[in-house]
Amino acid sequence: KQLSSDLEAYTIHAGRKTVEMADLEVLMRRQGLV
């Protein structure tokens, strides 16, 4: 639920309506995985 919410926020912030690989990479960087 948190993952989905974060991805949605990153996508909206980027001005898009579709989640892209870049959003997932930003999320994983923030989590320290990437």
Full PDB file with SEQRES, HELIX, SHEET, SSBOND, CRYST1, ORIGX, SCALE, CONECT and MASTER records, all heavy atoms in Angstrom:
SEQRES   1 A   34  LYS GLN LEU SER SER ASP LEU GLU ALA TYR THR ILE HIS          
SEQRES   2 A   34  ALA GLY ARG LYS THR VAL GLU MET ALA ASP LEU GLU VAL          
SEQRES   3 A   34  LEU MET ARG ARG GLN GLY LEU VAL                              
HELIX    1 AA1 GLN A    2  HIS A   13  1                                  12    
HELIX    2 AA2 MET A   21  ARG A   30  1                                  10    
CRYST1    1.000    1.000    1.000  90.00  90.00  90.00 P 1           1          
ORIGX1      1.000000  0.000000  0.000000        0.00000                         
ORIGX2      0.000000  1.000000  0.000000        0.00000                         
ORIGX3      0.000000  0.000000  1.000000        0.00000                         
SCALE1      1.000000  0.000000  0.000000        0.00000                         
SCALE2      0.000000  1.000000  0.000000        0.00000                         
SCALE3      0.000000  0.000000  1.000000        0.00000                         
ATOM      1  N   LYS A   1       0.839  -1.190   0.000  1.00  0.00           N  
ATOM      2  CA  LYS A   1       0.000   0.000   0.000  1.00  0.00           C  
ATOM      3  C   LYS A   1       0.882   1.250   0.000  1.00  0.00           C  
ATOM      4  O   LYS A   1       0.639   2.194  -0.759  1.00  0.00           O  
ATOM      5  CB  LYS A   1      -0.921  -0.023   1.221  1.00  0.00           C  
ATOM      6  CG  LYS A   1      -1.992   1.006   1.195  1.00  0.00           C  
ATOM      7  CD  LYS A   1      -2.953   0.787   2.350  1.00  0.00           C  
ATOM      8  CE  LYS A   1      -4.125   1.736   2.245  1.00  0.00           C  
ATOM      9  NZ  LYS A   1      -5.120   1.500   3.269  1.00  0.00           N  
ATOM     10  N   GLN A   2       1.924   1.264   0.845  1.00  0.00           N  
ATOM     11  CA  GLN A   2       2.842   2.399   0.909  1.00  0.00           C  
ATOM     12  C   GLN A   2       3.627   2.540  -0.395  1.00  0.00           C  
ATOM     13  O   GLN A   2       3.810   3.637  -0.906  1.00  0.00           O  
ATOM     14  CB  GLN A   2       3.804   2.242   2.090  1.00  0.00           C  
ATOM     15  CG  GLN A   2       4.723   3.421   2.293  1.00  0.00           C  
ATOM     16  CD  GLN A   2       3.965   4.677   2.662  1.00  0.00           C  
ATOM     17  OE1 GLN A   2       3.110   4.653   3.532  1.00  0.00           O  
ATOM     18  NE2 GLN A   2       4.278   5.776   2.011  1.00  0.00           N  
ATOM     19  N   LEU A   3       4.079   1.403  -0.946  1.00  0.00           N  
ATOM     20  CA  LEU A   3       4.812   1.397  -2.204  1.00  0.00           C  
ATOM     21  C   LEU A   3       3.972   2.019  -3.318  1.00  0.00           C  
ATOM     22  O   LEU A   3       4.436   2.885  -4.051  1.00  0.00           O  
ATOM     23  CB  LEU A   3       5.208  -0.038  -2.568  1.00  0.00           C  
ATOM     24  CG  LEU A   3       5.953  -0.232  -3.867  1.00  0.00           C  
ATOM     25  CD1 LEU A   3       7.448  -0.313  -3.579  1.00  0.00           C  
ATOM     26  CD2 LEU A   3       5.488  -1.507  -4.527  1.00  0.00           C  
ATOM     27  N   SER A   4       2.722   1.614  -3.400  1.00  0.00           N  
ATOM     28  CA  SER A   4       1.822   2.139  -4.426  1.00  0.00           C  
ATOM     29  C   SER A   4       1.583   3.630  -4.240  1.00  0.00           C  
ATOM     30  O   SER A   4       1.579   4.395  -5.204  1.00  0.00           O  
ATOM     31  CB  SER A   4       0.483   1.405  -4.386  1.00  0.00           C  
ATOM     32  OG  SER A   4       0.681   0.031  -4.567  1.00  0.00           O  
ATOM     33  N   SER A   5       1.390   4.030  -3.002  1.00  0.00           N  
ATOM     34  CA  SER A   5       1.171   5.442  -2.706  1.00  0.00           C  
ATOM     35  C   SER A   5       2.389   6.285  -3.094  1.00  0.00           C  
ATOM     36  O   SER A   5       2.254   7.357  -3.686  1.00  0.00           O  
ATOM     37  CB  SER A   5       0.865   5.596  -1.215  1.00  0.00           C  
ATOM     38  OG  SER A   5       0.781   6.935  -0.860  1.00  0.00           O  
ATOM     39  N   ASP A   6       3.576   5.801  -2.763  1.00  0.00           N  
ATOM     40  CA  ASP A   6       4.807   6.522  -3.115  1.00  0.00           C  
ATOM     41  C   ASP A   6       4.989   6.617  -4.625  1.00  0.00           C  
ATOM     42  O   ASP A   6       5.319   7.680  -5.147  1.00  0.00           O  
ATOM     43  CB  ASP A   6       6.029   5.838  -2.492  1.00  0.00           C  
ATOM     44  CG  ASP A   6       6.096   6.005  -0.989  1.00  0.00           C  
ATOM     45  OD1 ASP A   6       5.353   6.854  -0.441  1.00  0.00           O  
ATOM     46  OD2 ASP A   6       6.887   5.291  -0.348  1.00  0.00           O  
ATOM     47  N   LEU A   7       4.768   5.523  -5.326  1.00  0.00           N  
ATOM     48  CA  LEU A   7       4.904   5.538  -6.788  1.00  0.00           C  
ATOM     49  C   LEU A   7       3.902   6.504  -7.420  1.00  0.00           C  
ATOM     50  O   LEU A   7       4.230   7.224  -8.364  1.00  0.00           O  
ATOM     51  CB  LEU A   7       4.728   4.131  -7.366  1.00  0.00           C  
ATOM     52  CG  LEU A   7       5.890   3.187  -7.167  1.00  0.00           C  
ATOM     53  CD1 LEU A   7       5.514   1.785  -7.632  1.00  0.00           C  
ATOM     54  CD2 LEU A   7       7.122   3.672  -7.910  1.00  0.00           C  
ATOM     55  N   GLU A   8       2.699   6.521  -6.893  1.00  0.00           N  
ATOM     56  CA  GLU A   8       1.687   7.447  -7.400  1.00  0.00           C  
ATOM     57  C   GLU A   8       2.129   8.892  -7.177  1.00  0.00           C  
ATOM     58  O   GLU A   8       2.002   9.734  -8.067  1.00  0.00           O  
ATOM     59  CB  GLU A   8       0.357   7.182  -6.698  1.00  0.00           C  
ATOM     60  CG  GLU A   8      -0.772   8.041  -7.195  1.00  0.00           C  
ATOM     61  CD  GLU A   8      -2.090   7.750  -6.502  1.00  0.00           C  
ATOM     62  OE1 GLU A   8      -2.109   6.981  -5.525  1.00  0.00           O  
ATOM     63  OE2 GLU A   8      -3.097   8.315  -6.944  1.00  0.00           O  
ATOM     64  N   ALA A   9       2.681   9.173  -6.001  1.00  0.00           N  
ATOM     65  CA  ALA A   9       3.140  10.532  -5.694  1.00  0.00           C  
ATOM     66  C   ALA A   9       4.282  10.951  -6.620  1.00  0.00           C  
ATOM     67  O   ALA A   9       4.295  12.088  -7.115  1.00  0.00           O  
ATOM     68  CB  ALA A   9       3.585  10.619  -4.241  1.00  0.00           C  
ATOM     69  N   TYR A  10       5.234  10.054  -6.872  1.00  0.00           N  
ATOM     70  CA  TYR A  10       6.352  10.373  -7.760  1.00  0.00           C  
ATOM     71  C   TYR A  10       5.863  10.634  -9.178  1.00  0.00           C  
ATOM     72  O   TYR A  10       6.345  11.528  -9.864  1.00  0.00           O  
ATOM     73  CB  TYR A  10       7.393   9.252  -7.777  1.00  0.00           C  
ATOM     74  CG  TYR A  10       8.047   9.001  -6.446  1.00  0.00           C  
ATOM     75  CD1 TYR A  10       8.571   7.750  -6.156  1.00  0.00           C  
ATOM     76  CD2 TYR A  10       8.163   9.978  -5.482  1.00  0.00           C  
ATOM     77  CE1 TYR A  10       9.182   7.496  -4.933  1.00  0.00           C  
ATOM     78  CE2 TYR A  10       8.763   9.734  -4.265  1.00  0.00           C  
ATOM     79  CZ  TYR A  10       9.271   8.498  -3.992  1.00  0.00           C  
ATOM     80  OH  TYR A  10       9.870   8.258  -2.791  1.00  0.00           O  
ATOM     81  N   THR A  11       4.886   9.855  -9.622  1.00  0.00           N  
ATOM     82  CA  THR A  11       4.344  10.008 -10.965  1.00  0.00           C  
ATOM     83  C   THR A  11       3.606  11.337 -11.114  1.00  0.00           C  
ATOM     84  O   THR A  11       3.795  12.057 -12.099  1.00  0.00           O  
ATOM     85  CB  THR A  11       3.395   8.835 -11.301  1.00  0.00           C  
ATOM     86  OG1 THR A  11       4.108   7.611 -11.143  1.00  0.00           O  
ATOM     87  CG2 THR A  11       2.876   8.917 -12.707  1.00  0.00           C  
ATOM     88  N   ILE A  12       2.794  11.665 -10.126  1.00  0.00           N  
ATOM     89  CA  ILE A  12       2.057  12.934 -10.157  1.00  0.00           C  
ATOM     90  C   ILE A  12       3.031  14.105 -10.104  1.00  0.00           C  
ATOM     91  O   ILE A  12       2.871  15.094 -10.827  1.00  0.00           O  
ATOM     92  CB  ILE A  12       1.041  12.994  -9.001  1.00  0.00           C  
ATOM     93  CG1 ILE A  12      -0.094  11.995  -9.260  1.00  0.00           C  
ATOM     94  CG2 ILE A  12       0.487  14.404  -8.822  1.00  0.00           C  
ATOM     95  CD1 ILE A  12      -1.014  11.779  -8.085  1.00  0.00           C  
ATOM     96  N   HIS A  13       4.061  13.989  -9.278  1.00  0.00           N  
ATOM     97  CA  HIS A  13       5.061  15.052  -9.164  1.00  0.00           C  
ATOM     98  C   HIS A  13       5.767  15.293 -10.502  1.00  0.00           C  
ATOM     99  O   HIS A  13       6.097  16.426 -10.843  1.00  0.00           O  
ATOM    100  CB  HIS A  13       6.087  14.706  -8.084  1.00  0.00           C  
ATOM    101  CG  HIS A  13       7.149  15.748  -7.920  1.00  0.00           C  
ATOM    102  ND1 HIS A  13       6.897  16.967  -7.340  1.00  0.00           N  
ATOM    103  CD2 HIS A  13       8.451  15.761  -8.279  1.00  0.00           C  
ATOM    104  CE1 HIS A  13       8.014  17.687  -7.340  1.00  0.00           C  
ATOM    105  NE2 HIS A  13       8.968  16.976  -7.901  1.00  0.00           N  
ATOM    106  N   ALA A  14       5.973  14.221 -11.257  1.00  0.00           N  
ATOM    107  CA  ALA A  14       6.622  14.337 -12.567  1.00  0.00           C  
ATOM    108  C   ALA A  14       5.651  14.833 -13.644  1.00  0.00           C  
ATOM    109  O   ALA A  14       6.050  15.048 -14.784  1.00  0.00           O  
ATOM    110  CB  ALA A  14       7.212  12.990 -12.985  1.00  0.00           C  
ATOM    111  N   GLY A  15       4.374  15.006 -13.288  1.00  0.00           N  
ATOM    112  CA  GLY A  15       3.394  15.517 -14.243  1.00  0.00           C  
ATOM    113  C   GLY A  15       2.899  14.464 -15.218  1.00  0.00           C  
ATOM    114  O   GLY A  15       2.497  14.784 -16.328  1.00  0.00           O  
ATOM    115  N   ARG A  16       2.941  13.211 -14.817  1.00  0.00           N  
ATOM    116  CA  ARG A  16       2.488  12.118 -15.688  1.00  0.00           C  
ATOM    117  C   ARG A  16       1.302  11.404 -15.060  1.00  0.00           C  
ATOM    118  O   ARG A  16       0.997  11.603 -13.885  1.00  0.00           O  
ATOM    119  CB  ARG A  16       3.623  11.113 -15.908  1.00  0.00           C  
ATOM    120  CG  ARG A  16       4.722  11.663 -16.787  1.00  0.00           C  
ATOM    121  CD  ARG A  16       5.807  10.629 -17.033  1.00  0.00           C  
ATOM    122  NE  ARG A  16       6.811  10.723 -15.974  1.00  0.00           N  
ATOM    123  CZ  ARG A  16       6.982   9.855 -14.999  1.00  0.00           C  
ATOM    124  NH1 ARG A  16       6.241   8.779 -14.933  1.00  0.00           N  
ATOM    125  NH2 ARG A  16       7.902  10.030 -14.076  1.00  0.00           N  
ATOM    126  N   LYS A  17       0.663  10.545 -15.847  1.00  0.00           N  
ATOM    127  CA  LYS A  17      -0.447   9.734 -15.349  1.00  0.00           C  
ATOM    128  C   LYS A  17      -0.104   8.255 -15.358  1.00  0.00           C  
ATOM    129  O   LYS A  17      -0.928   7.425 -14.995  1.00  0.00           O  
ATOM    130  CB  LYS A  17      -1.701   9.973 -16.190  1.00  0.00           C  
ATOM    131  CG  LYS A  17      -2.257  11.367 -16.030  1.00  0.00           C  
ATOM    132  CD  LYS A  17      -3.537  11.527 -16.800  1.00  0.00           C  
ATOM    133  CE  LYS A  17      -4.099  12.921 -16.578  1.00  0.00           C  
ATOM    134  NZ  LYS A  17      -5.375  13.099 -17.248  1.00  0.00           N  
ATOM    135  N   THR A  18       1.109   7.919 -15.793  1.00  0.00           N  
ATOM    136  CA  THR A  18       1.541   6.526 -15.874  1.00  0.00           C  
ATOM    137  C   THR A  18       2.828   6.345 -15.090  1.00  0.00           C  
ATOM    138  O   THR A  18       3.761   7.129 -15.235  1.00  0.00           O  
ATOM    139  CB  THR A  18       1.789   6.134 -17.352  1.00  0.00           C  
ATOM    140  OG1 THR A  18       0.605   6.404 -18.095  1.00  0.00           O  
ATOM    141  CG2 THR A  18       2.134   4.659 -17.480  1.00  0.00           C  
ATOM    142  N   VAL A  19       2.867   5.303 -14.259  1.00  0.00           N  
ATOM    143  CA  VAL A  19       4.071   4.991 -13.498  1.00  0.00           C  
ATOM    144  C   VAL A  19       5.115   4.434 -14.461  1.00  0.00           C  
ATOM    145  O   VAL A  19       4.807   3.556 -15.269  1.00  0.00           O  
ATOM    146  CB  VAL A  19       3.781   3.963 -12.382  1.00  0.00           C  
ATOM    147  CG1 VAL A  19       5.052   3.566 -11.658  1.00  0.00           C  
ATOM    148  CG2 VAL A  19       2.761   4.510 -11.400  1.00  0.00           C  
ATOM    149  N   GLU A  20       6.323   4.961 -14.390  1.00  0.00           N  
ATOM    150  CA  GLU A  20       7.398   4.517 -15.272  1.00  0.00           C  
ATOM    151  C   GLU A  20       8.552   3.953 -14.454  1.00  0.00           C  
ATOM    152  O   GLU A  20       8.592   4.077 -13.237  1.00  0.00           O  
ATOM    153  CB  GLU A  20       7.880   5.688 -16.135  1.00  0.00           C  
ATOM    154  CG  GLU A  20       6.846   6.154 -17.136  1.00  0.00           C  
ATOM    155  CD  GLU A  20       7.319   7.291 -18.015  1.00  0.00           C  
ATOM    156  OE1 GLU A  20       8.474   7.739 -17.843  1.00  0.00           O  
ATOM    157  OE2 GLU A  20       6.538   7.717 -18.878  1.00  0.00           O  
ATOM    158  N   MET A  21       9.503   3.352 -15.154  1.00  0.00           N  
ATOM    159  CA  MET A  21      10.668   2.747 -14.525  1.00  0.00           C  
ATOM    160  C   MET A  21      11.430   3.782 -13.693  1.00  0.00           C  
ATOM    161  O   MET A  21      11.941   3.469 -12.622  1.00  0.00           O  
ATOM    162  CB  MET A  21      11.579   2.148 -15.591  1.00  0.00           C  
ATOM    163  CG  MET A  21      12.771   1.414 -15.028  1.00  0.00           C  
ATOM    164  SD  MET A  21      12.350  -0.165 -14.348  1.00  0.00           S  
ATOM    165  CE  MET A  21      12.729  -1.184 -15.732  1.00  0.00           C  
ATOM    166  N   ALA A  22      11.466   5.018 -14.153  1.00  0.00           N  
ATOM    167  CA  ALA A  22      12.183   6.073 -13.428  1.00  0.00           C  
ATOM    168  C   ALA A  22      11.578   6.297 -12.046  1.00  0.00           C  
ATOM    169  O   ALA A  22      12.302   6.537 -11.075  1.00  0.00           O  
ATOM    170  CB  ALA A  22      12.156   7.369 -14.228  1.00  0.00           C  
ATOM    171  N   ASP A  23      10.252   6.187 -11.936  1.00  0.00           N  
ATOM    172  CA  ASP A  23       9.591   6.353 -10.639  1.00  0.00           C  
ATOM    173  C   ASP A  23      10.000   5.243  -9.680  1.00  0.00           C  
ATOM    174  O   ASP A  23      10.270   5.482  -8.503  1.00  0.00           O  
ATOM    175  CB  ASP A  23       8.073   6.349 -10.813  1.00  0.00           C  
ATOM    176  CG  ASP A  23       7.589   7.431 -11.753  1.00  0.00           C  
ATOM    177  OD1 ASP A  23       8.110   8.556 -11.661  1.00  0.00           O  
ATOM    178  OD2 ASP A  23       6.707   7.144 -12.576  1.00  0.00           O  
ATOM    179  N   LEU A  24      10.055   4.036 -10.197  1.00  0.00           N  
ATOM    180  CA  LEU A  24      10.468   2.898  -9.380  1.00  0.00           C  
ATOM    181  C   LEU A  24      11.924   3.037  -8.953  1.00  0.00           C  
ATOM    182  O   LEU A  24      12.277   2.729  -7.810  1.00  0.00           O  
ATOM    183  CB  LEU A  24      10.266   1.597 -10.153  1.00  0.00           C  
ATOM    184  CG  LEU A  24      10.453   0.312  -9.375  1.00  0.00           C  
ATOM    185  CD1 LEU A  24       9.531   0.254  -8.178  1.00  0.00           C  
ATOM    186  CD2 LEU A  24      10.226  -0.873 -10.260  1.00  0.00           C  
ATOM    187  N   GLU A  25      12.752   3.535  -9.847  1.00  0.00           N  
ATOM    188  CA  GLU A  25      14.162   3.713  -9.506  1.00  0.00           C  
ATOM    189  C   GLU A  25      14.333   4.788  -8.426  1.00  0.00           C  
ATOM    190  O   GLU A  25      15.129   4.622  -7.500  1.00  0.00           O  
ATOM    191  CB  GLU A  25      14.982   4.071 -10.740  1.00  0.00           C  
ATOM    192  CG  GLU A  25      16.465   4.016 -10.486  1.00  0.00           C  
ATOM    193  CD  GLU A  25      17.289   3.993 -11.763  1.00  0.00           C  
ATOM    194  OE1 GLU A  25      16.726   3.941 -12.867  1.00  0.00           O  
ATOM    195  OE2 GLU A  25      18.521   4.017 -11.625  1.00  0.00           O  
ATOM    196  N   VAL A  26      13.555   5.875  -8.507  1.00  0.00           N  
ATOM    197  CA  VAL A  26      13.605   6.910  -7.466  1.00  0.00           C  
ATOM    198  C   VAL A  26      13.190   6.319  -6.128  1.00  0.00           C  
ATOM    199  O   VAL A  26      13.826   6.544  -5.095  1.00  0.00           O  
ATOM    200  CB  VAL A  26      12.698   8.109  -7.832  1.00  0.00           C  
ATOM    201  CG1 VAL A  26      12.512   9.045  -6.645  1.00  0.00           C  
ATOM    202  CG2 VAL A  26      13.262   8.866  -9.009  1.00  0.00           C  
ATOM    203  N   LEU A  27      12.135   5.532  -6.131  1.00  0.00           N  
ATOM    204  CA  LEU A  27      11.657   4.892  -4.902  1.00  0.00           C  
ATOM    205  C   LEU A  27      12.728   3.980  -4.308  1.00  0.00           C  
ATOM    206  O   LEU A  27      12.996   4.018  -3.109  1.00  0.00           O  
ATOM    207  CB  LEU A  27      10.384   4.097  -5.183  1.00  0.00           C  
ATOM    208  CG  LEU A  27       9.822   3.312  -4.002  1.00  0.00           C  
ATOM    209  CD1 LEU A  27       9.297   4.257  -2.935  1.00  0.00           C  
ATOM    210  CD2 LEU A  27       8.742   2.378  -4.455  1.00  0.00           C  
ATOM    211  N   MET A  28      13.354   3.187  -5.162  1.00  0.00           N  
ATOM    212  CA  MET A  28      14.373   2.245  -4.676  1.00  0.00           C  
ATOM    213  C   MET A  28      15.627   2.986  -4.204  1.00  0.00           C  
ATOM    214  O   MET A  28      16.289   2.547  -3.273  1.00  0.00           O  
ATOM    215  CB  MET A  28      14.687   1.212  -5.755  1.00  0.00           C  
ATOM    216  CG  MET A  28      13.490   0.320  -6.025  1.00  0.00           C  
ATOM    217  SD  MET A  28      13.793  -0.882  -7.309  1.00  0.00           S  
ATOM    218  CE  MET A  28      14.674  -2.114  -6.377  1.00  0.00           C  
ATOM    219  N   ARG A  29      15.939   4.112  -4.799  1.00  0.00           N  
ATOM    220  CA  ARG A  29      17.057   4.932  -4.316  1.00  0.00           C  
ATOM    221  C   ARG A  29      16.733   5.489  -2.930  1.00  0.00           C  
ATOM    222  O   ARG A  29      17.572   5.502  -2.042  1.00  0.00           O  
ATOM    223  CB  ARG A  29      17.368   6.077  -5.279  1.00  0.00           C  
ATOM    224  CG  ARG A  29      18.189   5.664  -6.452  1.00  0.00           C  
ATOM    225  CD  ARG A  29      18.677   6.879  -7.241  1.00  0.00           C  
ATOM    226  NE  ARG A  29      19.364   6.463  -8.439  1.00  0.00           N  
ATOM    227  CZ  ARG A  29      20.636   6.080  -8.461  1.00  0.00           C  
ATOM    228  NH1 ARG A  29      21.342   6.069  -7.372  1.00  0.00           N  
ATOM    229  NH2 ARG A  29      21.186   5.706  -9.594  1.00  0.00           N  
ATOM    230  N   ARG A  30      15.516   5.947  -2.754  1.00  0.00           N  
ATOM    231  CA  ARG A  30      15.120   6.496  -1.455  1.00  0.00           C  
ATOM    232  C   ARG A  30      15.113   5.426  -0.373  1.00  0.00           C  
ATOM    233  O   ARG A  30      15.357   5.714   0.786  1.00  0.00           O  
ATOM    234  CB  ARG A  30      13.751   7.146  -1.554  1.00  0.00           C  
ATOM    235  CG  ARG A  30      13.824   8.350  -2.471  1.00  0.00           C  
ATOM    236  CD  ARG A  30      12.852   9.365  -2.207  1.00  0.00           C  
ATOM    237  NE  ARG A  30      12.724   9.701  -0.806  1.00  0.00           N  
ATOM    238  CZ  ARG A  30      12.139  10.775  -0.379  1.00  0.00           C  
ATOM    239  NH1 ARG A  30      11.659  11.619  -1.240  1.00  0.00           N  
ATOM    240  NH2 ARG A  30      12.008  11.029   0.900  1.00  0.00           N  
ATOM    241  N   GLN A  31      14.837   4.183  -0.761  1.00  0.00           N  
ATOM    242  CA  GLN A  31      14.854   3.080   0.197  1.00  0.00           C  
ATOM    243  C   GLN A  31      16.259   2.547   0.423  1.00  0.00           C  
ATOM    244  O   GLN A  31      16.473   1.694   1.269  1.00  0.00           O  
ATOM    245  CB  GLN A  31      13.953   1.937  -0.282  1.00  0.00           C  
ATOM    246  CG  GLN A  31      12.490   2.284  -0.254  1.00  0.00           C  
ATOM    247  CD  GLN A  31      11.622   1.160  -0.780  1.00  0.00           C  
ATOM    248  OE1 GLN A  31      12.078   0.267  -1.478  1.00  0.00           O  
ATOM    249  NE2 GLN A  31      10.347   1.211  -0.441  1.00  0.00           N  
ATOM    250  N   GLY A  32      17.216   3.021  -0.363  1.00  0.00           N  
ATOM    251  CA  GLY A  32      18.597   2.572  -0.211  1.00  0.00           C  
ATOM    252  C   GLY A  32      18.914   1.279  -0.932  1.00  0.00           C  
ATOM    253  O   GLY A  32      19.984   0.706  -0.753  1.00  0.00           O  
ATOM    254  N   LEU A  33      17.996   0.802  -1.768  1.00  0.00           N  
ATOM    255  CA  LEU A  33      18.230  -0.439  -2.501  1.00  0.00           C  
ATOM    256  C   LEU A  33      19.088  -0.205  -3.738  1.00  0.00           C  
ATOM    257  O   LEU A  33      19.882  -1.047  -4.125  1.00  0.00           O  
ATOM    258  CB  LEU A  33      16.900  -1.077  -2.905  1.00  0.00           C  
ATOM    259  CG  LEU A  33      16.002  -1.491  -1.742  1.00  0.00           C  
ATOM    260  CD1 LEU A  33      14.637  -1.890  -2.257  1.00  0.00           C  
ATOM    261  CD2 LEU A  33      16.643  -2.620  -0.952  1.00  0.00           C  
ATOM    262  N   VAL A  34      18.886   0.935  -4.390  1.00  0.00           N  
ATOM    263  CA  VAL A  34      19.656   1.291  -5.573  1.00  0.00           C  
ATOM    264  C   VAL A  34      20.612   2.413  -5.179  1.00  0.00           C  
ATOM    265  O   VAL A  34      20.200   3.415  -4.616  1.00  0.00           O  
ATOM    266  CB  VAL A  34      18.734   1.762  -6.716  1.00  0.00           C  
ATOM    267  CG1 VAL A  34      19.528   2.285  -7.884  1.00  0.00           C  
ATOM    268  CG2 VAL A  34      17.837   0.638  -7.169  1.00  0.00           C  
TER     269      VAL A  34                                                      
MASTER        0    0    0    2    0    0    0    6  268    1    0    3          
END                                                                             
